């Protein structure tokens, strides 16, 4: 899951010089945030990102992939009773937040 999120952050931020990764303990959960400073994602696409084989049409031809990475990452997190959230702004980047119970 982390490998996928990090590789996506790097891939979709071709002109950025950094990706920020943080982890915090919040109310019996570990919360991992991966922030990039790349293309960003339009709100209309965010809800579909974790669907199998989904690729954002505006970037699908620019970047290799089959649309399984986020689907698999989401399935892993769900199996551990966790959740994802995404904050993104087109042209400024995205933050993927993974929340997993500690127990």
Protein backbone atom coordinates (compact mmCIF):
# COMPACT_ATOMS: atom_id res chain seq x y z
CA UNK A 1 0.00 0.00 0.00
CA UNK A 2 2.72 2.46 0.97
CA UNK A 3 4.85 1.53 -2.02
CA UNK A 4 1.94 2.18 -4.35
CA UNK A 5 1.08 5.54 -2.79
CA UNK A 6 4.71 6.67 -2.85
CA UNK A 7 5.28 5.57 -6.43
CA UNK A 8 2.08 7.33 -7.52
CA UNK A 9 3.10 10.51 -5.69
CA UNK A 10 6.43 10.48 -7.51
CA UNK A 11 4.99 9.49 -10.89
CA UNK A 12 2.29 12.16 -10.92
CA UNK A 13 4.65 14.90 -9.71
CA UNK A 14 7.24 14.91 -12.49
CA UNK A 15 8.34 18.50 -11.88
CA UNK A 16 8.27 18.44 -8.06
CA UNK A 17 11.39 18.02 -5.96
CA UNK A 18 9.78 16.39 -2.92
CA UNK A 19 7.05 14.17 -1.54
CA UNK A 20 6.15 14.63 2.14
CA UNK A 21 5.32 11.57 4.25
CA UNK A 22 4.02 11.94 7.81
CA UNK A 23 2.63 9.51 10.36
CA UNK A 24 0.74 10.43 13.51
CA UNK A 25 -1.17 8.61 16.22
CA UNK A 26 -4.74 9.91 16.48
CA UNK A 27 -7.43 8.31 18.66
CA UNK A 28 -6.10 4.74 18.55
CA UNK A 29 -5.24 4.95 14.85
CA UNK A 30 -2.08 5.52 12.90
CA UNK A 31 -2.66 8.14 10.23
CA UNK A 32 -0.23 8.16 7.32
CA UNK A 33 -0.27 11.09 4.91
CA UNK A 34 1.54 11.20 1.60
CA UNK A 35 1.57 14.63 0.03
CA UNK A 36 2.78 15.39 -3.47
CA UNK A 37 3.10 18.65 -5.33
CA UNK A 38 2.11 17.44 -8.76
CA UNK A 39 -0.84 17.39 -11.10
CA UNK A 40 -3.60 17.13 -8.53
CA UNK A 41 -6.98 15.52 -9.10
CA UNK A 42 -10.30 17.14 -9.94
CA UNK A 43 -13.07 16.51 -7.40
CA UNK A 44 -15.18 14.70 -10.00
CA UNK A 45 -12.50 11.98 -10.23
CA UNK A 46 -11.65 11.50 -6.55
CA UNK A 47 -14.60 9.23 -5.70
CA UNK A 48 -13.70 6.89 -8.57
CA UNK A 49 -9.96 6.57 -7.91
CA UNK A 50 -10.26 3.35 -5.89
CA UNK A 51 -12.34 1.54 -8.51
CA UNK A 52 -10.70 -1.36 -10.32
CA UNK A 53 -9.08 -0.27 -13.63
CA UNK A 54 -10.08 3.39 -13.19
CA UNK A 55 -7.68 5.91 -14.69
CA UNK A 56 -8.21 9.66 -14.87
CA UNK A 57 -8.78 10.24 -18.58
CA UNK A 58 -6.84 13.52 -18.69
CA UNK A 59 -3.62 11.81 -17.56
CA UNK A 60 -4.07 8.19 -18.68
CA UNK A 61 -2.14 8.67 -21.92
CA UNK A 62 0.74 10.54 -20.25
CA UNK A 63 1.53 7.97 -17.55
CA UNK A 64 1.82 4.20 -17.62
CA UNK A 65 -0.49 2.10 -15.50
CA UNK A 66 -3.51 -0.17 -15.60
CA UNK A 67 -5.62 1.31 -12.81
CA UNK A 68 -5.12 -1.40 -10.22
CA UNK A 69 -2.69 0.17 -7.76
CA UNK A 70 -5.12 2.30 -5.77
CA UNK A 71 -7.78 -0.41 -5.95
CA UNK A 72 -5.36 -2.91 -4.38
CA UNK A 73 -4.15 -0.37 -1.80
CA UNK A 74 -7.75 0.35 -0.81
CA UNK A 75 -8.54 -3.37 -0.49
CA UNK A 76 -5.51 -3.87 1.78
CA UNK A 77 -6.56 -0.95 3.99
CA UNK A 78 -10.17 -2.19 4.17
CA UNK A 79 -8.98 -5.69 5.22
CA UNK A 80 -7.22 -3.99 8.14
CA UNK A 81 -10.40 -2.05 9.07
CA UNK A 82 -8.92 1.21 7.85
CA UNK A 83 -9.93 3.97 5.47
CA UNK A 84 -8.58 6.42 2.90
CA UNK A 85 -9.28 10.06 2.27
CA UNK A 86 -7.90 12.34 -0.42
CA UNK A 87 -7.45 16.09 -0.54
CA UNK A 88 -6.39 17.45 -3.88
CA UNK A 89 -6.23 20.61 -5.90
CA UNK A 90 -5.57 20.48 -9.64
CA UNK A 91 -2.18 21.95 -10.47
CA UNK A 92 -1.04 21.98 -6.83
CA UNK A 93 -0.95 18.34 -5.76
CA UNK A 94 -2.66 15.75 -3.62
CA UNK A 95 -2.57 14.33 -0.11
CA UNK A 96 -3.57 10.71 0.37
CA UNK A 97 -4.44 9.94 3.97
CA UNK A 98 -4.58 6.35 5.22
CA UNK A 99 -6.10 5.69 8.64
CA UNK A 100 -5.46 2.27 10.28
CA UNK A 101 -6.45 1.04 13.73
CA UNK A 102 -3.52 0.33 16.03
CA UNK A 103 -5.11 -2.86 17.41
